[in-house]
Amino acid sequence: SDERYAGFARRLEFREELTQILGDRFLQRGTREWVDLLHPLGVPCG
């Protein structure tokens, strides 16, 4: 819901901040669990 992160250009501007946010969340689960969660949603991942 944060408009600062809407669109490619804005996300690139805030890349460092977003990397930290997503990185902290990914550390909370194992790889297989994340793939099983995101793959059914159609997120390109592996």
All heavy atoms as atom14 arrays in JSON, in Angstrom:
{
  "sequence": "SDERYAGFARRLEFREELTQILGDRFLQRGTREWVDLLHPLGVPCG",
  "atom14_mask": [
    [1, 1, 1, 1, 1, 1, 0, 0, 0, 0, 0, 0, 0, 0],
    [1, 1, 1, 1, 1, 1, 1, 1, 0, 0, 0, 0, 0, 0],
    [1, 1, 1, 1, 1, 1, 1, 1, 1, 0, 0, 0, 0, 0],
    [1, 1, 1, 1, 1, 1, 1, 1, 1, 1, 1, 0, 0, 0],
    [1, 1, 1, 1, 1, 1, 1, 1, 1, 1, 1, 1, 0, 0],
    [1, 1, 1, 1, 1, 0, 0, 0, 0, 0, 0, 0, 0, 0],
    [1, 1, 1, 1, 0, 0, 0, 0, 0, 0, 0, 0, 0, 0],
    [1, 1, 1, 1, 1, 1, 1, 1, 1, 1, 1, 0, 0, 0],
    [1, 1, 1, 1, 1, 0, 0, 0, 0, 0, 0, 0, 0, 0],
    [1, 1, 1, 1, 1, 1, 1, 1, 1, 1, 1, 0, 0, 0],
    [1, 1, 1, 1, 1, 1, 1, 1, 1, 1, 1, 0, 0, 0],
    [1, 1, 1, 1, 1, 1, 1, 1, 0, 0, 0, 0, 0, 0],
    [1, 1, 1, 1, 1, 1, 1, 1, 1, 0, 0, 0, 0, 0],
    [1, 1, 1, 1, 1, 1, 1, 1, 1, 1, 1, 0, 0, 0],
    [1, 1, 1, 1, 1, 1, 1, 1, 1, 1, 1, 0, 0, 0],
    [1, 1, 1, 1, 1, 1, 1, 1, 1, 0, 0, 0, 0, 0],
    [1, 1, 1, 1, 1, 1, 1, 1, 1, 0, 0, 0, 0, 0],
    [1, 1, 1, 1, 1, 1, 1, 1, 0, 0, 0, 0, 0, 0],
    [1, 1, 1, 1, 1, 1, 1, 0, 0, 0, 0, 0, 0, 0],
    [1, 1, 1, 1, 1, 1, 1, 1, 1, 0, 0, 0, 0, 0],
    [1, 1, 1, 1, 1, 1, 1, 1, 0, 0, 0, 0, 0, 0],
    [1, 1, 1, 1, 1, 1, 1, 1, 0, 0, 0, 0, 0, 0],
    [1, 1, 1, 1, 0, 0, 0, 0, 0, 0, 0, 0, 0, 0],
    [1, 1, 1, 1, 1, 1, 1, 1, 0, 0, 0, 0, 0, 0],
    [1, 1, 1, 1, 1, 1, 1, 1, 1, 1, 1, 0, 0, 0],
    [1, 1, 1, 1, 1, 1, 1, 1, 1, 1, 1, 0, 0, 0],
    [1, 1, 1, 1, 1, 1, 1, 1, 0, 0, 0, 0, 0, 0],
    [1, 1, 1, 1, 1, 1, 1, 1, 1, 0, 0, 0, 0, 0],
    [1, 1, 1, 1, 1, 1, 1, 1, 1, 1, 1, 0, 0, 0],
    [1, 1, 1, 1, 0, 0, 0, 0, 0, 0, 0, 0, 0, 0],
    [1, 1, 1, 1, 1, 1, 1, 0, 0, 0, 0, 0, 0, 0],
    [1, 1, 1, 1, 1, 1, 1, 1, 1, 1, 1, 0, 0, 0],
    [1, 1, 1, 1, 1, 1, 1, 1, 1, 0, 0, 0, 0, 0],
    [1, 1, 1, 1, 1, 1, 1, 1, 1, 1, 1, 1, 1, 1],
    [1, 1, 1, 1, 1, 1, 1, 0, 0, 0, 0, 0, 0, 0],
    [1, 1, 1, 1, 1, 1, 1, 1, 0, 0, 0, 0, 0, 0],
    [1, 1, 1, 1, 1, 1, 1, 1, 0, 0, 0, 0, 0, 0],
    [1, 1, 1, 1, 1, 1, 1, 1, 0, 0, 0, 0, 0, 0],
    [1, 1, 1, 1, 1, 1, 1, 1, 1, 1, 0, 0, 0, 0],
    [1, 1, 1, 1, 1, 1, 1, 0, 0, 0, 0, 0, 0, 0],
    [1, 1, 1, 1, 1, 1, 1, 1, 0, 0, 0, 0, 0, 0],
    [1, 1, 1, 1, 0, 0, 0, 0, 0, 0, 0, 0, 0, 0],
    [1, 1, 1, 1, 1, 1, 1, 0, 0, 0, 0, 0, 0, 0],
    [1, 1, 1, 1, 1, 1, 1, 0, 0, 0, 0, 0, 0, 0],
    [1, 1, 1, 1, 1, 1, 0, 0, 0, 0, 0, 0, 0, 0],
    [1, 1, 1, 1, 0, 0, 0, 0, 0, 0, 0, 0, 0, 0]
  ],
  "atom14_positions": [
    [[0.8, -1.23, 0.0], [0.0, 0.0, 0.0], [0.84, 1.27, 0.0], [0.28, 2.38, -0.08], [-0.92, 0.0, 1.23], [-0.15, -0.02, 2.44], [0.0, 0.0, 0.0], [0.0, 0.0, 0.0], [0.0, 0.0, 0.0], [0.0, 0.0, 0.0], [0.0, 0.0, 0.0], [0.0, 0.0, 0.0], [0.0, 0.0, 0.0], [0.0, 0.0, 0.0]],
    [[2.15, 1.15, 0.07], [3.02, 2.32, 0.13], [3.31, 2.83, -1.29], [3.95, 2.14, -2.1], [4.33, 1.96, 0.82], [5.14, 3.17, 1.24], [5.11, 4.18, 0.5], [5.81, 3.11, 2.29], [0.0, 0.0, 0.0], [0.0, 0.0, 0.0], [0.0, 0.0, 0.0], [0.0, 0.0, 0.0], [0.0, 0.0, 0.0], [0.0, 0.0, 0.0]],
    [[2.84, 4.04, -1.62], [2.98, 4.59, -2.96], [4.43, 4.84, -3.35], [4.75, 4.96, -4.53], [2.2, 5.91, -3.07], [0.69, 5.73, -3.06], [0.21, 4.9, -4.23], [0.73, 5.08, -5.36], [-0.67, 4.03, -4.03], [0.0, 0.0, 0.0], [0.0, 0.0, 0.0], [0.0, 0.0, 0.0], [0.0, 0.0, 0.0], [0.0, 0.0, 0.0]],
    [[5.33, 4.91, -2.36], [6.74, 5.12, -2.67], [7.31, 3.98, -3.51], [8.3, 4.16, -4.23], [7.57, 5.27, -1.4], [7.29, 6.5, -0.57], [8.16, 6.49, 0.67], [7.91, 5.29, 1.48], [8.73, 4.85, 2.45], [9.89, 5.49, 2.67], [8.42, 3.78, 3.16], [0.0, 0.0, 0.0], [0.0, 0.0, 0.0], [0.0, 0.0, 0.0]],
    [[6.72, 2.8, -3.4], [7.26, 1.61, -4.06], [6.49, 1.22, -5.31], [6.65, 0.11, -5.83], [7.25, 0.44, -3.08], [7.89, 0.74, -1.74], [7.31, 0.27, -0.55], [9.05, 1.49, -1.66], [7.91, 0.54, 0.68], [9.64, 1.77, -0.43], [9.05, 1.29, 0.73], [9.63, 1.57, 1.95], [0.0, 0.0, 0.0], [0.0, 0.0, 0.0]],
    [[5.64, 2.11, -5.8], [4.81, 1.78, -6.97], [5.62, 2.01, -8.26], [6.11, 3.13, -8.51], [3.56, 2.64, -6.97], [0.0, 0.0, 0.0], [0.0, 0.0, 0.0], [0.0, 0.0, 0.0], [0.0, 0.0, 0.0], [0.0, 0.0, 0.0], [0.0, 0.0, 0.0], [0.0, 0.0, 0.0], [0.0, 0.0, 0.0], [0.0, 0.0, 0.0]],
    [[5.75, 0.97, -9.06], [6.41, 1.09, -10.36], [7.9, 0.76, -10.31], [8.54, 0.85, -9.26], [0.0, 0.0, 0.0], [0.0, 0.0, 0.0], [0.0, 0.0, 0.0], [0.0, 0.0, 0.0], [0.0, 0.0, 0.0], [0.0, 0.0, 0.0], [0.0, 0.0, 0.0], [0.0, 0.0, 0.0], [0.0, 0.0, 0.0], [0.0, 0.0, 0.0]],
    [[8.44, 0.38, -11.47], [9.84, -0.03, -11.55], [10.8, 1.06, -11.09], [11.74, 0.82, -10.33], [10.2, -0.4, -13.01], [9.58, -1.69, -13.49], [9.21, -1.84, -14.82], [9.36, -2.75, -12.61], [8.64, -3.03, -15.26], [8.8, -3.94, -13.05], [8.44, -4.07, -14.38], [0.0, 0.0, 0.0], [0.0, 0.0, 0.0], [0.0, 0.0, 0.0]],
    [[10.59, 2.29, -11.57], [11.52, 3.37, -11.26], [11.57, 3.67, -9.77], [12.66, 3.88, -9.2], [11.14, 4.63, -12.05], [0.0, 0.0, 0.0], [0.0, 0.0, 0.0], [0.0, 0.0, 0.0], [0.0, 0.0, 0.0], [0.0, 0.0, 0.0], [0.0, 0.0, 0.0], [0.0, 0.0, 0.0], [0.0, 0.0, 0.0], [0.0, 0.0, 0.0]],
    [[10.41, 3.68, -9.11], [10.39, 3.99, -7.68], [11.03, 2.88, -6.86], [11.75, 3.14, -5.9], [8.94, 4.22, -7.22], [8.21, 5.35, -7.92], [8.9, 6.7, -7.68], [8.92, 7.07, -6.27], [7.91, 7.66, -5.63], [6.77, 7.92, -6.28], [8.01, 7.98, -4.37], [0.0, 0.0, 0.0], [0.0, 0.0, 0.0], [0.0, 0.0, 0.0]],
    [[10.77, 1.64, -7.26], [11.36, 0.52, -6.51], [12.88, 0.51, -6.67], [13.61, 0.14, -5.74], [10.75, -0.81, -6.96], [9.33, -1.01, -6.44], [8.9, -2.45, -6.52], [8.69, -2.92, -7.87], [7.59, -2.7, -8.58], [6.59, -2.0, -8.06], [7.45, -3.18, -9.8], [0.0, 0.0, 0.0], [0.0, 0.0, 0.0], [0.0, 0.0, 0.0]],
    [[13.33, 0.9, -7.85], [14.78, 0.97, -8.05], [15.38, 2.06, -7.16], [16.47, 1.9, -6.6], [15.09, 1.25, -9.52], [16.53, 1.04, -9.96], [16.95, -0.42, -9.78], [16.71, 1.46, -11.42], [0.0, 0.0, 0.0], [0.0, 0.0, 0.0], [0.0, 0.0, 0.0], [0.0, 0.0, 0.0], [0.0, 0.0, 0.0], [0.0, 0.0, 0.0]],
    [[14.66, 3.15, -7.0], [15.13, 4.24, -6.15], [15.26, 3.8, -4.7], [16.17, 4.21, -3.99], [14.15, 5.42, -6.26], [14.53, 6.63, -5.45], [13.51, 7.75, -5.58], [12.62, 7.65, -6.45], [13.6, 8.72, -4.79], [0.0, 0.0, 0.0], [0.0, 0.0, 0.0], [0.0, 0.0, 0.0], [0.0, 0.0, 0.0], [0.0, 0.0, 0.0]],
    [[14.33, 2.95, -4.27], [14.33, 2.48, -2.88], [14.84, 1.04, -2.77], [14.48, 0.32, -1.84], [12.92, 2.58, -2.3], [12.44, 3.98, -2.08], [11.66, 4.61, -3.04], [12.79, 4.68, -0.93], [11.22, 5.92, -2.84], [12.35, 5.98, -0.73], [11.56, 6.6, -1.69], [0.0, 0.0, 0.0], [0.0, 0.0, 0.0], [0.0, 0.0, 0.0]],
    [[15.69, 0.63, -3.71], [16.16, -0.75, -3.76], [16.78, -1.19, -2.43], [16.48, -2.27, -1.91], [17.19, -0.93, -4.88], [17.74, -2.36, -4.97], [19.11, -2.4, -5.65], [19.08, -2.08, -7.05], [18.95, -2.97, -8.03], [18.85, -4.25, -7.76], [18.95, -2.58, -9.3], [0.0, 0.0, 0.0], [0.0, 0.0, 0.0], [0.0, 0.0, 0.0]],
    [[17.66, -0.39, -1.85], [18.37, -0.78, -0.64], [17.4, -1.01, 0.52], [17.49, -2.01, 1.25], [19.38, 0.3, -0.27], [20.3, -0.09, 0.89], [21.4, 0.92, 1.12], [21.73, 1.68, 0.18], [21.93, 0.94, 2.25], [0.0, 0.0, 0.0], [0.0, 0.0, 0.0], [0.0, 0.0, 0.0], [0.0, 0.0, 0.0], [0.0, 0.0, 0.0]],
    [[16.45, -0.1, 0.67], [15.46, -0.23, 1.75], [14.59, -1.46, 1.56], [14.33, -2.22, 2.51], [14.61, 1.04, 1.76], [13.53, 1.07, 2.83], [12.77, 2.39, 2.79], [13.41, 3.44, 2.6], [11.53, 2.34, 2.97], [0.0, 0.0, 0.0], [0.0, 0.0, 0.0], [0.0, 0.0, 0.0], [0.0, 0.0, 0.0], [0.0, 0.0, 0.0]],
    [[14.12, -1.68, 0.33], [13.26, -2.83, 0.05], [14.01, -4.14, 0.17], [13.45, -5.16, 0.59], [12.65, -2.69, -1.35], [11.55, -1.65, -1.49], [11.21, -1.42, -2.95], [10.3, -2.09, -0.72], [0.0, 0.0, 0.0], [0.0, 0.0, 0.0], [0.0, 0.0, 0.0], [0.0, 0.0, 0.0], [0.0, 0.0, 0.0], [0.0, 0.0, 0.0]],
    [[15.27, -4.15, -0.21], [16.08, -5.36, -0.07], [16.15, -5.78, 1.39], [16.06, -6.99, 1.71], [17.49, -5.13, -0.63], [17.42, -4.84, -2.02], [18.36, -6.38, -0.43], [0.0, 0.0, 0.0], [0.0, 0.0, 0.0], [0.0, 0.0, 0.0], [0.0, 0.0, 0.0], [0.0, 0.0, 0.0], [0.0, 0.0, 0.0], [0.0, 0.0, 0.0]],
    [[16.29, -4.83, 2.28], [16.34, -5.13, 3.71], [15.01, -5.69, 4.2], [14.96, -6.67, 4.94], [16.69, -3.87, 4.5], [16.93, -4.11, 5.99], [18.15, -4.94, 6.25], [19.23, -4.66, 5.72], [18.02, -5.98, 7.07], [0.0, 0.0, 0.0], [0.0, 0.0, 0.0], [0.0, 0.0, 0.0], [0.0, 0.0, 0.0], [0.0, 0.0, 0.0]],
    [[13.91, -5.07, 3.76], [12.58, -5.52, 4.21], [12.3, -6.94, 3.73], [11.92, -7.83, 4.51], [11.49, -4.56, 3.69], [11.64, -3.18, 4.34], [10.1, -5.13, 3.97], [10.74, -2.12, 3.74], [0.0, 0.0, 0.0], [0.0, 0.0, 0.0], [0.0, 0.0, 0.0], [0.0, 0.0, 0.0], [0.0, 0.0, 0.0], [0.0, 0.0, 0.0]],
    [[12.49, -7.17, 2.44], [12.24, -8.51, 1.9], [13.25, -9.52, 2.43], [12.89, -10.67, 2.73], [12.31, -8.48, 0.36], [10.99, -8.23, -0.38], [10.41, -6.86, -0.01], [11.19, -8.3, -1.9], [0.0, 0.0, 0.0], [0.0, 0.0, 0.0], [0.0, 0.0, 0.0], [0.0, 0.0, 0.0], [0.0, 0.0, 0.0], [0.0, 0.0, 0.0]],
    [[14.5, -9.11, 2.57], [15.53, -10.02, 3.06], [15.24, -10.51, 4.46], [15.42, -11.71, 4.76], [0.0, 0.0, 0.0], [0.0, 0.0, 0.0], [0.0, 0.0, 0.0], [0.0, 0.0, 0.0], [0.0, 0.0, 0.0], [0.0, 0.0, 0.0], [0.0, 0.0, 0.0], [0.0, 0.0, 0.0], [0.0, 0.0, 0.0], [0.0, 0.0, 0.0]],
    [[14.78, -9.63, 5.33], [14.44, -10.04, 6.7], [13.29, -11.04, 6.7], [13.3, -12.01, 7.48], [14.06, -8.8, 7.53], [15.25, -7.91, 7.83], [16.4, -8.38, 7.68], [15.03, -6.75, 8.23], [0.0, 0.0, 0.0], [0.0, 0.0, 0.0], [0.0, 0.0, 0.0], [0.0, 0.0, 0.0], [0.0, 0.0, 0.0], [0.0, 0.0, 0.0]],
    [[12.3, -10.83, 5.82], [11.15, -11.73, 5.8], [11.55, -13.09, 5.23], [11.12, -14.14, 5.74], [10.03, -11.11, 4.97], [8.75, -11.97, 4.9], [8.16, -12.24, 6.31], [7.79, -11.03, 6.98], [6.59, -10.44, 6.92], [5.63, -10.99, 6.19], [6.34, -9.35, 7.61], [0.0, 0.0, 0.0], [0.0, 0.0, 0.0], [0.0, 0.0, 0.0]],
    [[12.38, -13.13, 4.19], [12.79, -14.41, 3.61], [13.57, -15.26, 4.61], [13.52, -16.5, 4.55], [13.63, -14.18, 2.35], [12.81, -14.03, 1.1], [12.86, -12.85, 0.36], [12.0, -15.06, 0.64], [12.11, -12.71, -0.8], [11.25, -14.92, -0.51], [11.3, -13.74, -1.25], [0.0, 0.0, 0.0], [0.0, 0.0, 0.0], [0.0, 0.0, 0.0]],
    [[14.28, -14.65, 5.52], [15.05, -15.4, 6.52], [14.17, -16.12, 7.52], [14.66, -16.97, 8.28], [16.01, -14.45, 7.26], [17.24, -14.0, 6.47], [17.98, -12.91, 7.24], [18.16, -15.18, 6.2], [0.0, 0.0, 0.0], [0.0, 0.0, 0.0], [0.0, 0.0, 0.0], [0.0, 0.0, 0.0], [0.0, 0.0, 0.0], [0.0, 0.0, 0.0]],
    [[12.89, -15.85, 7.53], [11.99, -16.46, 8.51], [11.51, -17.85, 8.12], [10.93, -18.57, 8.94], [10.79, -15.54, 8.74], [11.16, -14.19, 9.36], [9.98, -13.25, 9.47], [8.82, -13.65, 9.26], [10.25, -12.0, 9.81], [0.0, 0.0, 0.0], [0.0, 0.0, 0.0], [0.0, 0.0, 0.0], [0.0, 0.0, 0.0], [0.0, 0.0, 0.0]],
    [[11.75, -18.26, 6.86], [11.31, -19.58, 6.41], [12.38, -20.19, 5.5], [13.24, -19.49, 4.97], [9.99, -19.48, 5.64], [8.82, -18.98, 6.48], [7.55, -18.93, 5.66], [6.42, -18.47, 6.45], [5.17, -18.34, 6.0], [4.91, -18.62, 4.72], [4.2, -17.92, 6.79], [0.0, 0.0, 0.0], [0.0, 0.0, 0.0], [0.0, 0.0, 0.0]],
    [[12.27, -21.52, 5.3], [13.21, -22.21, 4.43], [12.84, -22.03, 2.96], [11.72, -21.66, 2.61], [0.0, 0.0, 0.0], [0.0, 0.0, 0.0], [0.0, 0.0, 0.0], [0.0, 0.0, 0.0], [0.0, 0.0, 0.0], [0.0, 0.0, 0.0], [0.0, 0.0, 0.0], [0.0, 0.0, 0.0], [0.0, 0.0, 0.0], [0.0, 0.0, 0.0]],
    [[13.79, -22.37, 2.1], [13.59, -22.19, 0.66], [12.39, -22.96, 0.14], [11.55, -22.43, -0.59], [14.86, -22.63, -0.1], [15.97, -21.83, 0.31], [14.67, -22.49, -1.6], [0.0, 0.0, 0.0], [0.0, 0.0, 0.0], [0.0, 0.0, 0.0], [0.0, 0.0, 0.0], [0.0, 0.0, 0.0], [0.0, 0.0, 0.0], [0.0, 0.0, 0.0]],
    [[12.29, -24.24, 0.49], [11.2, -25.05, -0.01], [9.85, -24.5, 0.42], [8.88, -24.49, -0.36], [11.36, -26.49, 0.5], [10.38, -27.51, -0.06], [10.71, -27.84, -1.49], [9.92, -27.09, -2.46], [10.21, -26.99, -3.73], [11.29, -27.57, -4.21], [9.46, -26.29, -4.56], [0.0, 0.0, 0.0], [0.0, 0.0, 0.0], [0.0, 0.0, 0.0]],
    [[9.76, -24.03, 1.64], [8.51, -23.48, 2.15], [8.12, -22.22, 1.36], [6.96, -22.02, 1.01], [8.65, -23.15, 3.63], [7.33, -22.77, 4.31], [7.48, -22.56, 5.8], [8.6, -22.74, 6.32], [6.46, -22.22, 6.44], [0.0, 0.0, 0.0], [0.0, 0.0, 0.0], [0.0, 0.0, 0.0], [0.0, 0.0, 0.0], [0.0, 0.0, 0.0]],
    [[9.11, -21.37, 1.07], [8.82, -20.16, 0.29], [8.38, -20.51, -1.13], [7.43, -19.92, -1.66], [10.04, -19.25, 0.25], [10.23, -18.39, 1.46], [11.29, -18.39, 2.31], [9.31, -17.41, 1.95], [11.1, -17.46, 3.32], [9.9, -16.83, 3.12], [8.07, -16.95, 1.54], [9.27, -15.84, 3.85], [7.43, -15.94, 2.27], [8.03, -15.4, 3.41]],
    [[9.05, -21.47, -1.75], [8.67, -21.85, -3.11], [7.25, -22.4, -3.13], [6.44, -22.07, -4.01], [9.66, -22.88, -3.68], [9.15, -23.45, -5.0], [11.03, -22.24, -3.9], [0.0, 0.0, 0.0], [0.0, 0.0, 0.0], [0.0, 0.0, 0.0], [0.0, 0.0, 0.0], [0.0, 0.0, 0.0], [0.0, 0.0, 0.0], [0.0, 0.0, 0.0]],
    [[6.93, -23.26, -2.15], [5.6, -23.85, -2.08], [4.53, -22.79, -1.84], [3.37, -22.96, -2.25], [5.54, -24.9, -0.98], [6.34, -26.15, -1.32], [6.67, -26.32, -2.51], [6.64, -26.94, -0.4], [0.0, 0.0, 0.0], [0.0, 0.0, 0.0], [0.0, 0.0, 0.0], [0.0, 0.0, 0.0], [0.0, 0.0, 0.0], [0.0, 0.0, 0.0]],
    [[4.92, -21.7, -1.21], [3.97, -20.63, -0.92], [3.8, -19.69, -2.12], [2.68, -19.3, -2.47], [4.46, -19.82, 0.29], [3.6, -18.62, 0.73], [2.22, -19.09, 1.18], [4.29, -17.85, 1.83], [0.0, 0.0, 0.0], [0.0, 0.0, 0.0], [0.0, 0.0, 0.0], [0.0, 0.0, 0.0], [0.0, 0.0, 0.0], [0.0, 0.0, 0.0]],
    [[4.9, -19.34, -2.77], [4.86, -18.33, -3.83], [4.52, -18.89, -5.21], [3.9, -18.22, -6.03], [6.2, -17.6, -3.89], [6.6, -16.82, -2.64], [8.01, -16.25, -2.78], [5.59, -15.69, -2.36], [0.0, 0.0, 0.0], [0.0, 0.0, 0.0], [0.0, 0.0, 0.0], [0.0, 0.0, 0.0], [0.0, 0.0, 0.0], [0.0, 0.0, 0.0]],
    [[4.93, -20.13, -5.45], [4.7, -20.72, -6.77], [3.21, -20.79, -7.13], [2.83, -20.42, -8.25], [5.34, -22.11, -6.85], [5.23, -22.75, -8.18], [4.21, -23.65, -8.5], [5.97, -22.63, -9.32], [4.34, -24.05, -9.75], [5.4, -23.45, -10.26], [0.0, 0.0, 0.0], [0.0, 0.0, 0.0], [0.0, 0.0, 0.0], [0.0, 0.0, 0.0]],
    [[2.33, -21.23, -6.23], [0.91, -21.26, -6.57], [0.32, -19.88, -6.87], [-0.71, -19.78, -7.55], [0.26, -21.88, -5.33], [1.34, -22.65, -4.66], [2.58, -21.85, -4.91], [0.0, 0.0, 0.0], [0.0, 0.0, 0.0], [0.0, 0.0, 0.0], [0.0, 0.0, 0.0], [0.0, 0.0, 0.0], [0.0, 0.0, 0.0], [0.0, 0.0, 0.0]],
    [[0.95, -18.83, -6.37], [0.48, -17.47, -6.63], [0.96, -16.94, -7.98], [0.56, -15.85, -8.4], [0.95, -16.53, -5.52], [0.43, -16.83, -4.11], [1.06, -15.88, -3.1], [-1.1, -16.73, -4.08], [0.0, 0.0, 0.0], [0.0, 0.0, 0.0], [0.0, 0.0, 0.0], [0.0, 0.0, 0.0], [0.0, 0.0, 0.0], [0.0, 0.0, 0.0]],
    [[1.8, -17.72, -8.67], [2.3, -17.31, -9.97], [3.5, -16.41, -9.92], [3.81, -15.72, -10.9], [0.0, 0.0, 0.0], [0.0, 0.0, 0.0], [0.0, 0.0, 0.0], [0.0, 0.0, 0.0], [0.0, 0.0, 0.0], [0.0, 0.0, 0.0], [0.0, 0.0, 0.0], [0.0, 0.0, 0.0], [0.0, 0.0, 0.0], [0.0, 0.0, 0.0]],
    [[4.23, -16.41, -8.78], [5.44, -15.6, -8.68], [6.61, -16.38, -9.3], [6.88, -17.51, -8.89], [5.77, -15.28, -7.21], [7.07, -14.48, -7.12], [4.63, -14.52, -6.56], [0.0, 0.0, 0.0], [0.0, 0.0, 0.0], [0.0, 0.0, 0.0], [0.0, 0.0, 0.0], [0.0, 0.0, 0.0], [0.0, 0.0, 0.0], [0.0, 0.0, 0.0]],
    [[7.3, -15.82, -10.29], [8.46, -16.51, -10.85], [9.55, -16.67, -9.79], [10.1, -15.68, -9.3], [8.93, -15.58, -11.97], [7.74, -14.76, -12.32], [7.01, -14.57, -11.02], [0.0, 0.0, 0.0], [0.0, 0.0, 0.0], [0.0, 0.0, 0.0], [0.0, 0.0, 0.0], [0.0, 0.0, 0.0], [0.0, 0.0, 0.0], [0.0, 0.0, 0.0]],
    [[9.83, -17.9, -9.4], [10.78, -18.13, -8.32], [11.31, -19.55, -8.41], [10.74, -20.4, -9.09], [10.14, -17.9, -6.96], [8.77, -19.04, -6.57], [0.0, 0.0, 0.0], [0.0, 0.0, 0.0], [0.0, 0.0, 0.0], [0.0, 0.0, 0.0], [0.0, 0.0, 0.0], [0.0, 0.0, 0.0], [0.0, 0.0, 0.0], [0.0, 0.0, 0.0]],
    [[12.39, -19.81, -7.7], [12.94, -21.15, -7.65], [14.11, -21.22, -6.7], [14.75, -20.2, -6.42], [0.0, 0.0, 0.0], [0.0, 0.0, 0.0], [0.0, 0.0, 0.0], [0.0, 0.0, 0.0], [0.0, 0.0, 0.0], [0.0, 0.0, 0.0], [0.0, 0.0, 0.0], [0.0, 0.0, 0.0], [0.0, 0.0, 0.0], [0.0, 0.0, 0.0]]
  ]
}
